[in-house]
Each structure stands twice: as C-alpha cells, then as structure tokens.
Amino acid sequence: MGKVSVRFFARYAELAGCTSSAVNLETPATVAAVIARVREVFPGTKDLPPQPLAALNQRHVRLDALVSEGDEVALLPPLAGG
C-alpha cells in the first residue's frame, strides 16, 4: 500500500469536507484509481463529476497518468473565465 496526498479546491473542498488529505492504495496506480479511492473515503465526493480535472505533482494530467507513493493529486473544479 502506498500513501498519496490529495488536495481539493473550491467546491470539491466543500464536498470532501477538507482542503487536503491522503489516501492509501496499491501503487503504482492511475489518477482515476486515486479518484475512485477518494470517492470511497470521502462520502461527499460521490458528487464529483465522472472525470474531474486533475493535476499530479502540480502538472495537469489525464486520468490514466501513473501515480506513485508520495505523489500529490489535486482535484480541480472547472474554471470560469471572464
């Protein structure tokens, strides 16, 4: 099992009830697997979109990007421009 840090921003932090935490899962894993684990650990995050925007170690990535123990996944709500 590996520990992966997770950060939540804006509405996603409200759903999770925190701005950051960590989840344990078998690593290496994908960002999608981290999101699935987040949905299990934080009940409010079941309302996240099916494929939220994500960053891995501060770089935008696709959900199939590989995550290792100690990495940070950030879940980013859509940005409104103006």
C-alpha atoms as a PDB file:
ATOM      1  CA  MET A   1       0.000   0.000   0.000  1.00  0.00           C
ATOM      2  CA  GLY A   2       1.168   3.488  -0.787  1.00  0.00           C
ATOM      3  CA  LYS A   3       0.041   6.861   0.550  1.00  0.00           C
ATOM      4  CA  VAL A   4      -0.940   9.549  -1.957  1.00  0.00           C
ATOM      5  CA  SER A   5      -1.691  13.139  -0.926  1.00  0.00           C
ATOM      6  CA  VAL A   6      -4.911  14.616  -2.273  1.00  0.00           C
ATOM      7  CA  ARG A   7      -5.791  18.312  -2.469  1.00  0.00           C
ATOM      8  CA  PHE A   8      -9.283  19.643  -3.047  1.00  0.00           C
ATOM      9  CA  PHE A   9     -10.112  23.108  -4.338  1.00  0.00           C
ATOM     10  CA  ALA A  10     -13.228  25.313  -4.232  1.00  0.00           C
ATOM     11  CA  ARG A  11     -16.445  23.265  -4.478  1.00  0.00           C
ATOM     12  CA  TYR A  12     -14.519  19.987  -4.265  1.00  0.00           C
ATOM     13  CA  ALA A  13     -13.134  21.006  -0.856  1.00  0.00           C
ATOM     14  CA  GLU A  14     -16.699  21.611   0.294  1.00  0.00           C
ATOM     15  CA  LEU A  15     -17.732  18.150  -0.904  1.00  0.00           C
ATOM     16  CA  ALA A  16     -14.741  16.460   0.753  1.00  0.00           C
ATOM     17  CA  GLY A  17     -15.019  18.488   3.959  1.00  0.00           C
ATOM     18  CA  CYS A  18     -11.319  19.403   3.825  1.00  0.00           C
ATOM     19  CA  THR A  19      -8.740  21.012   1.560  1.00  0.00           C
ATOM     20  CA  SER A  20      -6.178  18.228   1.761  1.00  0.00           C
ATOM     21  CA  SER A  21      -5.790  14.694   2.994  1.00  0.00           C
ATOM     22  CA  ALA A  22      -4.240  11.417   1.917  1.00  0.00           C
ATOM     23  CA  VAL A  23      -5.482   8.050   0.743  1.00  0.00           C
ATOM     24  CA  ASN A  24      -3.865   4.632   0.815  1.00  0.00           C
ATOM     25  CA  LEU A  25      -3.980   2.404  -2.230  1.00  0.00           C
ATOM     26  CA  GLU A  26      -1.832  -0.031  -4.139  1.00  0.00           C
ATOM     27  CA  THR A  27       0.805   1.893  -6.085  1.00  0.00           C
ATOM     28  CA  PRO A  28       1.646   2.441  -8.819  1.00  0.00           C
ATOM     29  CA  ALA A  29      -1.938   3.393  -9.636  1.00  0.00           C
ATOM     30  CA  THR A  30      -3.643   5.786 -12.009  1.00  0.00           C
ATOM     31  CA  VAL A  31      -5.126   9.160 -11.175  1.00  0.00           C
ATOM     32  CA  ALA A  32      -8.513   7.557 -11.903  1.00  0.00           C
ATOM     33  CA  ALA A  33      -7.812   4.918  -9.219  1.00  0.00           C
ATOM     34  CA  VAL A  34      -6.942   7.664  -6.734  1.00  0.00           C
ATOM     35  CA  ILE A  35     -10.242   9.405  -7.541  1.00  0.00           C
ATOM     36  CA  ALA A  36     -12.124   6.124  -7.061  1.00  0.00           C
ATOM     37  CA  ARG A  37     -10.456   5.703  -3.659  1.00  0.00           C
ATOM     38  CA  VAL A  38     -11.307   9.313  -2.742  1.00  0.00           C
ATOM     39  CA  ARG A  39     -14.971   8.576  -3.516  1.00  0.00           C
ATOM     40  CA  GLU A  40     -14.821   5.637  -1.079  1.00  0.00           C
ATOM     41  CA  VAL A  41     -13.102   7.555   1.741  1.00  0.00           C
ATOM     42  CA  PHE A  42     -14.931  10.897   1.476  1.00  0.00           C
ATOM     43  CA  PRO A  43     -18.691  10.262   1.062  1.00  0.00           C
ATOM     44  CA  GLY A  44     -19.451  13.801  -0.161  1.00  0.00           C
ATOM     45  CA  THR A  45     -17.137  13.365  -3.136  1.00  0.00           C
ATOM     46  CA  LYS A  46     -19.584  10.980  -4.769  1.00  0.00           C
ATOM     47  CA  ASP A  47     -20.952  14.201  -6.315  1.00  0.00           C
ATOM     48  CA  LEU A  48     -17.686  14.885  -8.146  1.00  0.00           C
ATOM     49  CA  PRO A  49     -18.064  14.765 -11.929  1.00  0.00           C
ATOM     50  CA  PRO A  50     -17.236  11.382 -13.509  1.00  0.00           C
ATOM     51  CA  GLN A  51     -13.940  12.724 -14.892  1.00  0.00           C
ATOM     52  CA  PRO A  52     -12.774  15.748 -12.896  1.00  0.00           C
ATOM     53  CA  LEU A  53      -9.775  17.789 -13.946  1.00  0.00           C
ATOM     54  CA  ALA A  54      -6.673  16.647 -12.097  1.00  0.00           C
ATOM     55  CA  ALA A  55      -3.081  17.634 -11.510  1.00  0.00           C
ATOM     56  CA  LEU A  56      -0.274  15.312 -10.478  1.00  0.00           C
ATOM     57  CA  ASN A  57       2.558  16.992  -8.606  1.00  0.00           C
ATOM     58  CA  GLN A  58       1.308  20.395  -9.844  1.00  0.00           C
ATOM     59  CA  ARG A  59       1.028  19.420 -13.533  1.00  0.00           C
ATOM     60  CA  HIS A  60      -2.273  18.897 -15.322  1.00  0.00           C
ATOM     61  CA  VAL A  61      -2.602  15.252 -16.328  1.00  0.00           C
ATOM     62  CA  ARG A  62      -5.038  12.814 -17.853  1.00  0.00           C
ATOM     63  CA  LEU A  63      -6.786  10.343 -15.589  1.00  0.00           C
ATOM     64  CA  ASP A  64      -4.634   7.479 -16.893  1.00  0.00           C
ATOM     65  CA  ALA A  65      -1.417   9.103 -15.597  1.00  0.00           C
ATOM     66  CA  LEU A  66       0.548   6.895 -13.193  1.00  0.00           C
ATOM     67  CA  VAL A  67       0.751   7.828  -9.525  1.00  0.00           C
ATOM     68  CA  SER A  68       3.423   6.574  -7.118  1.00  0.00           C
ATOM     69  CA  GLU A  69       3.616   6.579  -3.349  1.00  0.00           C
ATOM     70  CA  GLY A  70       4.259  10.091  -2.044  1.00  0.00           C
ATOM     71  CA  ASP A  71       2.777  11.847  -5.078  1.00  0.00           C
ATOM     72  CA  GLU A  72       0.165  14.582  -4.804  1.00  0.00           C
ATOM     73  CA  VAL A  73      -3.062  14.550  -6.789  1.00  0.00           C
ATOM     74  CA  ALA A  74      -5.084  17.761  -6.902  1.00  0.00           C
ATOM     75  CA  LEU A  75      -8.723  17.724  -7.985  1.00  0.00           C
ATOM     76  CA  LEU A  76      -9.577  20.915  -9.819  1.00  0.00           C
ATOM     77  CA  PRO A  77     -13.105  22.196 -10.463  1.00  0.00           C
ATOM     78  CA  PRO A  78     -13.807  23.738 -13.861  1.00  0.00           C
ATOM     79  CA  LEU A  79     -12.593  27.320 -14.083  1.00  0.00           C
ATOM     80  CA  ALA A  80     -14.940  30.088 -15.101  1.00  0.00           C
ATOM     81  CA  GLY A  81     -13.386  32.718 -17.305  1.00  0.00           C
ATOM     82  CA  GLY A  82     -14.380  36.243 -17.960  1.00  0.00           C
END
